[in-house]
Amino acid sequence: MIENGPILAVHEVVRWRIIDLCQWLRKEYEITVSKQTLSRKLRAMGYRKLSARPRRHAQKAGAVEAFKETGPRHRRRSRAGLASIPPT
């Protein structure tokens, strides 16, 4: 069941969460399992909890690329320019 994933029309979810699996077990097999216990068992079976990478709340989709194109440029001095500066 976990490998195949949920069927939206049947299970009313697009991906399994621990709480969804607990509810499915209760409906299907009349077994009550806590979230912590189910999480521990799934981890022992080799499954891992996945979470989305957090994003800044109000960040626009192209803001990072636009900044990279127009952002401040770092200037490097050439070796010839560095040689003409007297040591201090």
C-alpha atoms as a PDB file:
ATOM      1  CA  MET A   1       0.000   0.000   0.000  1.00  0.00           C
ATOM      2  CA  ILE A   2       2.806   2.404   0.855  1.00  0.00           C
ATOM      3  CA  GLU A   3       4.836   1.525  -2.258  1.00  0.00           C
ATOM      4  CA  ASN A   4       1.889   2.125  -4.619  1.00  0.00           C
ATOM      5  CA  GLY A   5       0.899   5.379  -2.985  1.00  0.00           C
ATOM      6  CA  PRO A   6      -2.622   6.638  -2.385  1.00  0.00           C
ATOM      7  CA  ILE A   7      -5.343   6.806  -5.025  1.00  0.00           C
ATOM      8  CA  LEU A   8      -6.848  10.287  -4.908  1.00  0.00           C
ATOM      9  CA  ALA A   9     -10.405   9.175  -5.692  1.00  0.00           C
ATOM     10  CA  VAL A  10     -10.334   6.409  -3.067  1.00  0.00           C
ATOM     11  CA  HIS A  11      -8.117   7.739  -0.273  1.00  0.00           C
ATOM     12  CA  GLU A  12      -8.701  11.491  -0.845  1.00  0.00           C
ATOM     13  CA  VAL A  13      -4.998  12.325  -0.411  1.00  0.00           C
ATOM     14  CA  VAL A  14      -2.209  12.847  -2.959  1.00  0.00           C
ATOM     15  CA  ARG A  15       0.626  11.526  -0.767  1.00  0.00           C
ATOM     16  CA  TRP A  16       0.747   9.508   2.402  1.00  0.00           C
ATOM     17  CA  ARG A  17       1.307  11.228   5.690  1.00  0.00           C
ATOM     18  CA  ILE A  18       1.632   9.336   8.950  1.00  0.00           C
ATOM     19  CA  ILE A  19      -1.784  10.537  10.112  1.00  0.00           C
ATOM     20  CA  ASP A  20      -3.363   9.388   6.808  1.00  0.00           C
ATOM     21  CA  LEU A  21      -1.842   5.936   7.211  1.00  0.00           C
ATOM     22  CA  CYS A  22      -3.100   5.742  10.795  1.00  0.00           C
ATOM     23  CA  GLN A  23      -6.624   6.582   9.607  1.00  0.00           C
ATOM     24  CA  TRP A  24      -6.382   4.064   6.751  1.00  0.00           C
ATOM     25  CA  LEU A  25      -5.320   1.305   9.163  1.00  0.00           C
ATOM     26  CA  ARG A  26      -8.237   2.148  11.461  1.00  0.00           C
ATOM     27  CA  LYS A  27     -10.776   2.063   8.598  1.00  0.00           C
ATOM     28  CA  GLU A  28      -9.356  -0.954   6.762  1.00  0.00           C
ATOM     29  CA  TYR A  29      -8.270  -3.258   9.611  1.00  0.00           C
ATOM     30  CA  GLU A  30      -9.890  -1.650  12.675  1.00  0.00           C
ATOM     31  CA  ILE A  31      -6.431  -1.234  14.239  1.00  0.00           C
ATOM     32  CA  THR A  32      -5.590   1.862  16.246  1.00  0.00           C
ATOM     33  CA  VAL A  33      -1.915   2.826  15.960  1.00  0.00           C
ATOM     34  CA  SER A  34      -0.326   6.004  17.279  1.00  0.00           C
ATOM     35  CA  LYS A  35       1.608   8.272  14.938  1.00  0.00           C
ATOM     36  CA  GLN A  36       4.811   7.678  16.895  1.00  0.00           C
ATOM     37  CA  THR A  37       4.499   3.888  16.720  1.00  0.00           C
ATOM     38  CA  LEU A  38       3.705   3.867  13.002  1.00  0.00           C
ATOM     39  CA  SER A  39       6.566   6.268  12.319  1.00  0.00           C
ATOM     40  CA  ARG A  40       8.977   4.026  14.239  1.00  0.00           C
ATOM     41  CA  LYS A  41       7.797   0.914  12.351  1.00  0.00           C
ATOM     42  CA  LEU A  42       8.033   2.623   8.943  1.00  0.00           C
ATOM     43  CA  ARG A  43      11.545   3.821   9.729  1.00  0.00           C
ATOM     44  CA  ALA A  44      12.544   0.290  10.738  1.00  0.00           C
ATOM     45  CA  MET A  45      11.206  -0.894   7.356  1.00  0.00           C
ATOM     46  CA  GLY A  46      13.544   1.560   5.604  1.00  0.00           C
ATOM     47  CA  TYR A  47      11.128   4.406   4.891  1.00  0.00           C
ATOM     48  CA  ARG A  48      12.110   7.977   5.684  1.00  0.00           C
ATOM     49  CA  LYS A  49      10.090  11.073   6.323  1.00  0.00           C
ATOM     50  CA  LEU A  50      10.425  13.529   3.464  1.00  0.00           C
ATOM     51  CA  SER A  51       9.730  17.197   3.816  1.00  0.00           C
ATOM     52  CA  ALA A  52       9.809  20.050   1.350  1.00  0.00           C
ATOM     53  CA  ARG A  53      12.661  22.514   1.476  1.00  0.00           C
ATOM     54  CA  PRO A  54      11.446  25.687   3.150  1.00  0.00           C
ATOM     55  CA  ARG A  55      11.108  28.783   1.011  1.00  0.00           C
ATOM     56  CA  ARG A  56      10.985  32.410   1.993  1.00  0.00           C
ATOM     57  CA  HIS A  57       7.348  33.426   2.325  1.00  0.00           C
ATOM     58  CA  ALA A  58       7.158  36.297  -0.161  1.00  0.00           C
ATOM     59  CA  GLN A  59       9.987  35.383  -2.544  1.00  0.00           C
ATOM     60  CA  LYS A  60       9.139  35.781  -6.220  1.00  0.00           C
ATOM     61  CA  ALA A  61      10.025  32.936  -8.567  1.00  0.00           C
ATOM     62  CA  GLY A  62      12.547  34.906 -10.667  1.00  0.00           C
ATOM     63  CA  ALA A  63      13.907  37.197  -7.944  1.00  0.00           C
ATOM     64  CA  VAL A  64      17.121  35.220  -7.347  1.00  0.00           C
ATOM     65  CA  GLU A  65      18.001  35.026 -11.041  1.00  0.00           C
ATOM     66  CA  ALA A  66      17.262  38.738 -11.520  1.00  0.00           C
ATOM     67  CA  PHE A  67      19.531  39.628  -8.581  1.00  0.00           C
ATOM     68  CA  LYS A  68      22.338  37.479  -9.955  1.00  0.00           C
ATOM     69  CA  GLU A  69      22.126  39.300 -13.285  1.00  0.00           C
ATOM     70  CA  THR A  70      21.981  42.830 -11.856  1.00  0.00           C
ATOM     71  CA  GLY A  71      23.566  42.373  -8.429  1.00  0.00           C
ATOM     72  CA  PRO A  72      26.764  44.047  -7.224  1.00  0.00           C
ATOM     73  CA  ARG A  73      29.880  42.975  -9.058  1.00  0.00           C
ATOM     74  CA  HIS A  74      33.125  42.328  -7.255  1.00  0.00           C
ATOM     75  CA  ARG A  75      36.109  43.943  -8.917  1.00  0.00           C
ATOM     76  CA  ARG A  76      39.452  42.231  -8.948  1.00  0.00           C
ATOM     77  CA  ARG A  77      42.664  44.135  -9.350  1.00  0.00           C
ATOM     78  CA  SER A  78      45.050  42.873 -11.918  1.00  0.00           C
ATOM     79  CA  ARG A  79      48.501  41.743 -10.846  1.00  0.00           C
ATOM     80  CA  ALA A  80      49.972  44.779 -12.583  1.00  0.00           C
ATOM     81  CA  GLY A  81      47.704  47.050 -10.523  1.00  0.00           C
ATOM     82  CA  LEU A  82      48.731  45.328  -7.299  1.00  0.00           C
ATOM     83  CA  ALA A  83      52.439  45.627  -8.145  1.00  0.00           C
ATOM     84  CA  SER A  84      52.190  49.408  -8.481  1.00  0.00           C
ATOM     85  CA  ILE A  85      50.855  49.814  -4.926  1.00  0.00           C
ATOM     86  CA  PRO A  86      53.713  50.399  -2.462  1.00  0.00           C
ATOM     87  CA  PRO A  87      53.857  48.008   0.494  1.00  0.00           C
ATOM     88  CA  THR A  88      52.877  49.459   3.885  1.00  0.00           C
END
